[in-house]
C-alpha atoms as a PDB file:
ATOM      1  CA  MET A   1      -1.647 -23.993 -18.745  1.00  0.00           C
ATOM      2  CA  SER A   2      -1.493 -25.637 -15.329  1.00  0.00           C
ATOM      3  CA  ALA A   3      -4.651 -26.759 -13.595  1.00  0.00           C
ATOM      4  CA  GLY A   4      -6.166 -24.170 -11.329  1.00  0.00           C
ATOM      5  CA  LEU A   5      -4.696 -21.266 -13.304  1.00  0.00           C
ATOM      6  CA  THR A   6      -6.726 -18.812 -15.326  1.00  0.00           C
ATOM      7  CA  PRO A   7      -5.626 -16.105 -17.741  1.00  0.00           C
ATOM      8  CA  MET A   8      -5.507 -12.542 -16.459  1.00  0.00           C
ATOM      9  CA  ALA A   9      -8.660 -11.412 -18.237  1.00  0.00           C
ATOM     10  CA  ASP A  10     -10.787 -14.508 -17.565  1.00  0.00           C
ATOM     11  CA  ALA A  11     -14.556 -14.502 -17.285  1.00  0.00           C
ATOM     12  CA  ASP A  12     -14.445 -14.537 -13.493  1.00  0.00           C
ATOM     13  CA  ALA A  13     -12.420 -11.337 -13.244  1.00  0.00           C
ATOM     14  CA  ARG A  14     -14.364  -8.183 -12.528  1.00  0.00           C
ATOM     15  CA  PRO A  15     -14.589  -5.991 -15.625  1.00  0.00           C
ATOM     16  CA  LEU A  16     -12.493  -2.865 -15.691  1.00  0.00           C
ATOM     17  CA  VAL A  17     -14.122   0.161 -14.092  1.00  0.00           C
ATOM     18  CA  PRO A  18     -15.366   2.538 -16.802  1.00  0.00           C
ATOM     19  CA  ARG A  19     -12.908   5.349 -17.423  1.00  0.00           C
ATOM     20  CA  ALA A  20     -15.534   8.086 -17.621  1.00  0.00           C
ATOM     21  CA  MET A  21     -16.981   7.786 -14.126  1.00  0.00           C
ATOM     22  CA  SER A  22     -18.445  10.857 -12.484  1.00  0.00           C
ATOM     23  CA  LEU A  23     -16.978  12.037  -9.183  1.00  0.00           C
ATOM     24  CA  CYS A  24     -19.780  10.425  -7.155  1.00  0.00           C
ATOM     25  CA  GLU A  25     -19.571   7.178  -9.113  1.00  0.00           C
ATOM     26  CA  ARG A  26     -15.813   6.961  -8.575  1.00  0.00           C
ATOM     27  CA  VAL A  27     -16.135   7.570  -4.818  1.00  0.00           C
ATOM     28  CA  ALA A  28     -18.946   5.010  -4.577  1.00  0.00           C
ATOM     29  CA  ASP A  29     -16.879   2.469  -6.498  1.00  0.00           C
ATOM     30  CA  ALA A  30     -13.886   3.030  -4.206  1.00  0.00           C
ATOM     31  CA  ALA A  31     -16.111   2.684  -1.131  1.00  0.00           C
ATOM     32  CA  ARG A  32     -17.534  -0.599  -2.447  1.00  0.00           C
ATOM     33  CA  PHE A  33     -14.006  -1.867  -3.026  1.00  0.00           C
ATOM     34  CA  MET A  34     -13.057  -1.064   0.577  1.00  0.00           C
ATOM     35  CA  LEU A  35     -15.991  -3.117   1.839  1.00  0.00           C
ATOM     36  CA  ARG A  36     -15.422  -6.019  -0.568  1.00  0.00           C
ATOM     37  CA  PRO A  37     -12.325  -5.854  -2.783  1.00  0.00           C
ATOM     38  CA  THR A  38     -12.674  -7.412  -6.226  1.00  0.00           C
ATOM     39  CA  PRO A  39     -10.041  -8.218  -8.886  1.00  0.00           C
ATOM     40  CA  HIS A  40      -9.422  -6.011 -11.879  1.00  0.00           C
ATOM     41  CA  GLY A  41      -8.855  -6.169 -15.599  1.00  0.00           C
ATOM     42  CA  PRO A  42      -6.029  -4.665 -17.671  1.00  0.00           C
ATOM     43  CA  PRO A  43      -4.569  -1.392 -16.309  1.00  0.00           C
ATOM     44  CA  VAL A  44      -5.826   1.930 -17.622  1.00  0.00           C
ATOM     45  CA  SER A  45      -3.442   3.816 -19.885  1.00  0.00           C
ATOM     46  CA  TRP A  46      -2.048   7.110 -18.629  1.00  0.00           C
ATOM     47  CA  GLY A  47      -4.082  10.054 -19.797  1.00  0.00           C
ATOM     48  CA  ARG A  48      -6.634  12.639 -18.734  1.00  0.00           C
ATOM     49  CA  ALA A  49      -9.190  10.044 -17.581  1.00  0.00           C
ATOM     50  CA  LEU A  50      -6.677   8.272 -15.357  1.00  0.00           C
ATOM     51  CA  VAL A  51      -5.367  11.502 -13.820  1.00  0.00           C
ATOM     52  CA  ALA A  52      -8.909  12.690 -13.107  1.00  0.00           C
ATOM     53  CA  ALA A  53      -9.786   9.369 -11.454  1.00  0.00           C
ATOM     54  CA  LEU A  54      -6.570   9.435  -9.437  1.00  0.00           C
ATOM     55  CA  LEU A  55      -7.306  12.944  -8.150  1.00  0.00           C
ATOM     56  CA  VAL A  56     -10.794  11.878  -7.038  1.00  0.00           C
ATOM     57  CA  VAL A  57      -9.521   8.806  -5.178  1.00  0.00           C
ATOM     58  CA  PHE A  58      -6.709  10.823  -3.592  1.00  0.00           C
ATOM     59  CA  ALA A  59      -9.153  13.505  -2.404  1.00  0.00           C
ATOM     60  CA  PHE A  60     -11.432  10.782  -0.997  1.00  0.00           C
ATOM     61  CA  ASP A  61      -8.448   9.299   0.838  1.00  0.00           C
ATOM     62  CA  LEU A  62      -7.526  12.646   2.393  1.00  0.00           C
ATOM     63  CA  ALA A  63     -11.127  13.367   3.388  1.00  0.00           C
ATOM     64  CA  LEU A  64     -11.494  10.010   5.146  1.00  0.00           C
ATOM     65  CA  ASP A  65      -8.157  10.395   6.907  1.00  0.00           C
ATOM     66  CA  VAL A  66      -8.973  13.899   8.147  1.00  0.00           C
ATOM     67  CA  LEU A  67     -12.314  12.646   9.467  1.00  0.00           C
ATOM     68  CA  VAL A  68     -10.767   9.619  11.180  1.00  0.00           C
ATOM     69  CA  ALA A  69      -7.915  11.672  12.651  1.00  0.00           C
ATOM     70  CA  ALA A  70     -10.379  14.251  14.025  1.00  0.00           C
ATOM     71  CA  VAL A  71     -12.576  11.612  15.674  1.00  0.00           C
ATOM     72  CA  THR A  72      -9.522   9.816  17.083  1.00  0.00           C
ATOM     73  CA  ALA A  73      -8.159  13.070  18.482  1.00  0.00           C
ATOM     74  CA  LEU A  74     -11.481  13.749  20.231  1.00  0.00           C
ATOM     75  CA  LEU A  75     -11.397  10.299  21.828  1.00  0.00           C
ATOM     76  CA  ASP A  76      -7.756  10.728  22.798  1.00  0.00           C
ATOM     77  CA  ALA A  77      -8.554  14.037  24.523  1.00  0.00           C
ATOM     78  CA  ARG A  78     -10.801  12.061  26.868  1.00  0.00           C
ATOM     79  CA  LEU A  79      -8.925   8.771  27.192  1.00  0.00           C
ATOM     80  CA  ASP A  80      -5.281   9.657  26.420  1.00  0.00           C
ATOM     81  CA  PHE A  81      -4.338   6.518  24.490  1.00  0.00           C
ATOM     82  CA  LEU A  82      -2.475   7.706  21.388  1.00  0.00           C
ATOM     83  CA  PRO A  83       1.317   7.118  21.434  1.00  0.00           C
ATOM     84  CA  ASP A  84       3.712   9.940  20.643  1.00  0.00           C
ATOM     85  CA  PRO A  85       5.536   9.888  17.300  1.00  0.00           C
ATOM     86  CA  VAL A  86       9.164   8.826  17.323  1.00  0.00           C
ATOM     87  CA  GLU A  87      11.475  11.792  16.865  1.00  0.00           C
ATOM     88  CA  GLN A  88      13.778  11.190  13.923  1.00  0.00           C
ATOM     89  CA  ASP A  89      16.905  13.208  13.232  1.00  0.00           C
ATOM     90  CA  THR A  90      16.686  13.501   9.446  1.00  0.00           C
ATOM     91  CA  THR A  91      17.352  16.295   6.982  1.00  0.00           C
ATOM     92  CA  LEU A  92      14.842  17.730   4.545  1.00  0.00           C
ATOM     93  CA  VAL A  93      16.632  16.059   1.633  1.00  0.00           C
ATOM     94  CA  GLU A  94      16.494  12.686   3.377  1.00  0.00           C
ATOM     95  CA  ASP A  95      12.806  13.127   4.129  1.00  0.00           C
ATOM     96  CA  LEU A  96      12.014  14.153   0.562  1.00  0.00           C
ATOM     97  CA  PHE A  97      13.814  11.127  -0.858  1.00  0.00           C
ATOM     98  CA  GLY A  98      12.443   8.697   1.733  1.00  0.00           C
ATOM     99  CA  PHE A  99       8.832   9.879   1.659  1.00  0.00           C
ATOM    100  CA  LEU A 100       8.427  10.843  -1.992  1.00  0.00           C
ATOM    101  CA  VAL A 101      10.600   8.235  -3.751  1.00  0.00           C
ATOM    102  CA  LEU A 102      11.762   5.312  -1.623  1.00  0.00           C
ATOM    103  CA  ALA A 103       8.600   4.574   0.371  1.00  0.00           C
ATOM    104  CA  PRO A 104       6.111   4.936  -2.530  1.00  0.00           C
ATOM    105  CA  VAL A 105       8.156   2.697  -4.814  1.00  0.00           C
ATOM    106  CA  LEU A 106       9.209  -0.029  -2.369  1.00  0.00           C
ATOM    107  CA  GLU A 107       6.011  -0.165  -0.331  1.00  0.00           C
ATOM    108  CA  GLU A 108       3.769  -0.296  -3.391  1.00  0.00           C
ATOM    109  CA  LEU A 109       5.904  -3.046  -4.905  1.00  0.00           C
ATOM    110  CA  VAL A 110       5.837  -5.126  -1.719  1.00  0.00           C
ATOM    111  CA  TYR A 111       2.306  -4.530  -0.430  1.00  0.00           C
ATOM    112  CA  ARG A 112       0.339  -4.105  -3.656  1.00  0.00           C
ATOM    113  CA  GLY A 113       2.516  -4.750  -6.702  1.00  0.00           C
ATOM    114  CA  TRP A 114       1.433  -8.396  -6.796  1.00  0.00           C
ATOM    115  CA  LEU A 115      -2.330  -7.756  -6.679  1.00  0.00           C
ATOM    116  CA  THR A 116      -2.538  -8.636 -10.357  1.00  0.00           C
ATOM    117  CA  GLY A 117      -2.371 -12.206  -9.097  1.00  0.00           C
ATOM    118  CA  ARG A 118       0.000 -13.280 -11.855  1.00  0.00           C
ATOM    119  CA  VAL A 119       2.298 -16.108 -10.782  1.00  0.00           C
ATOM    120  CA  ALA A 120       5.453 -14.064 -11.373  1.00  0.00           C
ATOM    121  CA  ALA A 121       4.078 -11.234  -9.224  1.00  0.00           C
ATOM    122  CA  LEU A 122       2.996 -13.615  -6.460  1.00  0.00           C
ATOM    123  CA  ARG A 123       6.475 -15.107  -6.440  1.00  0.00           C
ATOM    124  CA  PHE A 124       7.895 -11.625  -5.960  1.00  0.00           C
ATOM    125  CA  ALA A 125       5.485 -11.104  -3.055  1.00  0.00           C
ATOM    126  CA  VAL A 126       7.162 -13.996  -1.238  1.00  0.00           C
ATOM    127  CA  TYR A 127      10.503 -12.224  -1.584  1.00  0.00           C
ATOM    128  CA  GLY A 128       8.960  -8.913  -0.535  1.00  0.00           C
ATOM    129  CA  PHE A 129       7.352 -10.177   2.646  1.00  0.00           C
ATOM    130  CA  ALA A 130      10.499 -12.147   3.521  1.00  0.00           C
ATOM    131  CA  ALA A 131      12.396  -8.865   3.241  1.00  0.00           C
ATOM    132  CA  LEU A 132       9.850  -7.179   5.514  1.00  0.00           C
ATOM    133  CA  ALA A 133      10.398  -9.894   8.122  1.00  0.00           C
ATOM    134  CA  ILE A 134      14.146  -9.288   7.926  1.00  0.00           C
ATOM    135  CA  PHE A 135      13.673  -5.521   8.259  1.00  0.00           C
ATOM    136  CA  GLY A 136      11.435  -6.114  11.260  1.00  0.00           C
ATOM    137  CA  ALA A 137      14.024  -8.368  12.877  1.00  0.00           C
ATOM    138  CA  SER A 138      16.645  -5.644  12.425  1.00  0.00           C
ATOM    139  CA  LEU A 139      14.691  -3.490  14.877  1.00  0.00           C
ATOM    140  CA  PHE A 140      15.233  -5.973  17.685  1.00  0.00           C
ATOM    141  CA  VAL A 141      18.944  -6.730  17.386  1.00  0.00           C
ATOM    142  CA  SER A 142      22.039  -4.885  18.452  1.00  0.00           C
ATOM    143  CA  ALA A 143      23.175  -1.853  16.491  1.00  0.00           C
ATOM    144  CA  ASP A 144      26.095  -3.688  14.913  1.00  0.00           C
ATOM    145  CA  MET A 145      23.723  -6.353  13.557  1.00  0.00           C
ATOM    146  CA  ALA A 146      20.953  -4.039  12.411  1.00  0.00           C
ATOM    147  CA  MET A 147      22.745  -2.745   9.323  1.00  0.00           C
ATOM    148  CA  PRO A 148      23.765  -6.196   7.986  1.00  0.00           C
ATOM    149  CA  LEU A 149      20.186  -7.400   8.437  1.00  0.00           C
ATOM    150  CA  ALA A 150      18.801  -4.331   6.660  1.00  0.00           C
ATOM    151  CA  LEU A 151      21.213  -4.894   3.785  1.00  0.00           C
ATOM    152  CA  ALA A 152      20.153  -8.539   3.646  1.00  0.00           C
ATOM    153  CA  GLY A 153      16.543  -7.376   3.337  1.00  0.00           C
ATOM    154  CA  VAL A 154      17.465  -5.103   0.441  1.00  0.00           C
ATOM    155  CA  ALA A 155      19.314  -8.001  -1.216  1.00  0.00           C
ATOM    156  CA  VAL A 156      16.207 -10.193  -0.931  1.00  0.00           C
ATOM    157  CA  VAL A 157      14.053  -7.500  -2.579  1.00  0.00           C
ATOM    158  CA  LEU A 158      16.574  -7.100  -5.388  1.00  0.00           C
ATOM    159  CA  ALA A 159      16.707 -10.870  -5.907  1.00  0.00           C
ATOM    160  CA  GLY A 160      12.923 -10.903  -6.115  1.00  0.00           C
ATOM    161  CA  LEU A 161      12.925  -8.099  -8.672  1.00  0.00           C
ATOM    162  CA  VAL A 162      15.478  -9.938 -10.797  1.00  0.00           C
ATOM    163  CA  GLN A 163      13.444 -13.142 -10.794  1.00  0.00           C
ATOM    164  CA  TRP A 164      10.252 -11.206 -11.538  1.00  0.00           C
ATOM    165  CA  SER A 165      11.881  -9.448 -14.486  1.00  0.00           C
ATOM    166  CA  LEU A 166      13.020 -12.801 -15.892  1.00  0.00           C
ATOM    167  CA  THR A 167       9.654 -14.546 -15.505  1.00  0.00           C
ATOM    168  CA  ARG A 168       7.024 -11.772 -15.867  1.00  0.00           C
ATOM    169  CA  ALA A 169       6.458 -12.424 -19.586  1.00  0.00           C
ATOM    170  CA  ARG A 170       6.178 -16.175 -19.064  1.00  0.00           C
ATOM    171  CA  ASP A 171       4.296 -16.642 -15.799  1.00  0.00           C
ATOM    172  CA  THR A 172       1.197 -14.537 -16.482  1.00  0.00           C
ATOM    173  CA  ALA A 173      -1.493 -16.987 -15.367  1.00  0.00           C
ATOM    174  CA  VAL A 174      -3.587 -16.144 -12.317  1.00  0.00           C
ATOM    175  CA  PRO A 175      -4.293 -18.980  -9.853  1.00  0.00           C
ATOM    176  CA  ALA A 176      -7.994 -19.598  -9.326  1.00  0.00           C
ATOM    177  CA  TRP A 177      -7.453 -19.595  -5.554  1.00  0.00           C
ATOM    178  CA  PHE A 178      -6.090 -16.043  -5.743  1.00  0.00           C
ATOM    179  CA  THR A 179      -9.154 -14.729  -7.564  1.00  0.00           C
ATOM    180  CA  ARG A 180     -11.450 -16.627  -5.208  1.00  0.00           C
ATOM    181  CA  HIS A 181      -9.814 -15.222  -2.066  1.00  0.00           C
ATOM    182  CA  PHE A 182      -8.767 -11.864  -3.484  1.00  0.00           C
ATOM    183  CA  ARG A 183     -10.520  -9.797  -0.804  1.00  0.00           C
ATOM    184  CA  TRP A 184      -8.567 -11.565   1.951  1.00  0.00           C
ATOM    185  CA  PHE A 185      -5.269 -10.836   0.253  1.00  0.00           C
ATOM    186  CA  VAL A 186      -6.196  -7.147   0.010  1.00  0.00           C
ATOM    187  CA  TRP A 187      -7.420  -6.907   3.590  1.00  0.00           C
ATOM    188  CA  GLY A 188      -4.454  -8.881   4.937  1.00  0.00           C
ATOM    189  CA  SER A 189      -1.804  -6.868   3.103  1.00  0.00           C
ATOM    190  CA  THR A 190      -3.577  -3.646   4.074  1.00  0.00           C
ATOM    191  CA  LEU A 191      -3.572  -4.635   7.739  1.00  0.00           C
ATOM    192  CA  LEU A 192       0.145  -5.405   7.568  1.00  0.00           C
ATOM    193  CA  PHE A 193       0.733  -2.078   5.840  1.00  0.00           C
ATOM    194  CA  GLY A 194      -1.075  -0.226   8.620  1.00  0.00           C
ATOM    195  CA  LEU A 195       0.627  -2.121  11.447  1.00  0.00           C
ATOM    196  CA  ALA A 196       4.050  -1.538   9.889  1.00  0.00           C
ATOM    197  CA  HIS A 197       3.538   2.175  10.552  1.00  0.00           C
ATOM    198  CA  LEU A 198       3.463   1.534  14.304  1.00  0.00           C
ATOM    199  CA  GLY A 199       7.231   1.775  14.009  1.00  0.00           C
ATOM    200  CA  ASN A 200       6.776   5.525  13.585  1.00  0.00           C
ATOM    201  CA  TYR A 201       5.408   5.808  17.128  1.00  0.00           C
ATOM    202  CA  GLU A 202       6.414   5.048  20.681  1.00  0.00           C
ATOM    203  CA  ALA A 203       5.172   1.772  22.169  1.00  0.00           C
ATOM    204  CA  ILE A 204       1.419   1.742  22.627  1.00  0.00           C
ATOM    205  CA  SER A 205       0.098   1.446  26.179  1.00  0.00           C
ATOM    206  CA  SER A 206      -3.479   0.504  25.278  1.00  0.00           C
ATOM    207  CA  PRO A 207      -5.177  -1.522  22.513  1.00  0.00           C
ATOM    208  CA  LEU A 208      -6.858   1.735  21.529  1.00  0.00           C
ATOM    209  CA  GLY A 209      -3.409   2.988  20.616  1.00  0.00           C
ATOM    210  CA  LEU A 210      -3.692   0.917  17.420  1.00  0.00           C
ATOM    211  CA  LEU A 211      -6.057   3.613  16.157  1.00  0.00           C
ATOM    212  CA  VAL A 212      -3.006   5.780  15.561  1.00  0.00           C
ATOM    213  CA  VAL A 213      -2.406   3.878  12.292  1.00  0.00           C
ATOM    214  CA  LEU A 214      -6.050   3.806  11.207  1.00  0.00           C
ATOM    215  CA  PRO A 215      -5.460   6.579   8.619  1.00  0.00           C
ATOM    216  CA  GLN A 216      -2.609   4.558   7.070  1.00  0.00           C
ATOM    217  CA  THR A 217      -4.783   1.444   7.058  1.00  0.00           C
ATOM    218  CA  ILE A 218      -7.611   3.255   5.292  1.00  0.00           C
ATOM    219  CA  GLY A 219      -5.048   4.726   2.929  1.00  0.00           C
ATOM    220  CA  GLY A 220      -3.743   1.220   2.227  1.00  0.00           C
ATOM    221  CA  LEU A 221      -7.197   0.067   1.127  1.00  0.00           C
ATOM    222  CA  LEU A 222      -7.552   2.995  -1.229  1.00  0.00           C
ATOM    223  CA  LEU A 223      -4.030   2.453  -2.543  1.00  0.00           C
ATOM    224  CA  ALA A 224      -5.103  -1.122  -3.341  1.00  0.00           C
ATOM    225  CA  TYR A 225      -8.068   0.322  -5.234  1.00  0.00           C
ATOM    226  CA  THR A 226      -5.790   2.685  -7.145  1.00  0.00           C
ATOM    227  CA  ARG A 227      -3.362  -0.116  -7.910  1.00  0.00           C
ATOM    228  CA  THR A 228      -6.044  -2.514  -9.193  1.00  0.00           C
ATOM    229  CA  ARG A 229      -8.111   0.042 -11.118  1.00  0.00           C
ATOM    230  CA  LEU A 230      -5.526   2.524 -12.370  1.00  0.00           C
ATOM    231  CA  GLY A 231      -2.214   0.651 -12.245  1.00  0.00           C
ATOM    232  CA  LEU A 232       0.942   0.359 -10.157  1.00  0.00           C
ATOM    233  CA  GLY A 233       2.369   3.675 -11.355  1.00  0.00           C
ATOM    234  CA  ALA A 234      -0.814   5.440 -10.283  1.00  0.00           C
ATOM    235  CA  ALA A 235      -0.602   3.789  -6.844  1.00  0.00           C
ATOM    236  CA  MET A 236       2.973   5.035  -6.458  1.00  0.00           C
ATOM    237  CA  ALA A 237       1.879   8.543  -7.464  1.00  0.00           C
ATOM    238  CA  HIS A 238      -1.051   8.361  -4.999  1.00  0.00           C
ATOM    239  CA  HIS A 239       1.304   7.234  -2.236  1.00  0.00           C
ATOM    240  CA  ALA A 240       3.858   9.950  -2.997  1.00  0.00           C
ATOM    241  CA  ALA A 241       1.167  12.659  -3.077  1.00  0.00           C
ATOM    242  CA  TYR A 242      -0.171  11.512   0.297  1.00  0.00           C
ATOM    243  CA  ASN A 243       3.321  11.595   1.793  1.00  0.00           C
ATOM    244  CA  ALA A 244       3.881  15.046   0.289  1.00  0.00           C
ATOM    245  CA  VAL A 245       0.833  16.346   2.170  1.00  0.00           C
ATOM    246  CA  PHE A 246       2.138  14.723   5.366  1.00  0.00           C
ATOM    247  CA  LEU A 247       5.553  16.373   4.920  1.00  0.00           C
ATOM    248  CA  ALA A 248       3.970  19.739   4.183  1.00  0.00           C
ATOM    249  CA  VAL A 249       1.994  19.568   7.432  1.00  0.00           C
ATOM    250  CA  ASP A 250       4.942  18.190   9.415  1.00  0.00           C
ATOM    251  CA  TYR A 251       7.270  20.964   8.236  1.00  0.00           C
ATOM    252  CA  GLY A 252       4.620  23.650   8.749  1.00  0.00           C
ATOM    253  CA  TRP A 253       4.331  24.496   5.047  1.00  0.00           C
ATOM    254  CA  TRP A 254       0.591  23.920   5.163  1.00  0.00           C
END
């Protein structure tokens, strides 16, 4: 094993959260993680305990977002700083696929899939964030260049997935520097996740306008908790469920 690398379940890693937490214990544990993220142990197997924990974290996420959105709306009523959402001409089928399948899978892979800290996963993160940079650049070029850039971003993600699949069984060590600075990786990726959602809104006219993505930023922290405590599949399910609630409200089903 190379110097500076530790196995996944080393003595420095935080032990796995007990599966049989009460509702209050689970919420308290998630809140502690938001304030100071800590690494995890092996993922929890799918079953009743995992589903119950996932439901608690998801409900906590929704409760925080409703509270934050209400307070932000009250401030906006006085100061008028929130940007309007961008109107998108999409069909219901496109929204269902984009919000319930594409976004949960791709965004969890890119923003949180690598939080295991394994070398193979960290290598994929480099591909993922390179793809994000390409996607971002596609927003600022002419229409005839935007599609080729977007396709290039997809190609980079696919290349990263291929390399990860070929090296995941071999490169399982976790660098000591990743464990030591884990909280900064969580906070940094969460901030990027929140800021990426500014693309859903018109240009902000005030620094306070950044509050429009505060719910997504809080959600990103809790998705990181779900990913590290319950697994990547659970994080994708959490993400999809959140987007389903958003769609239900947006389409007036709720």
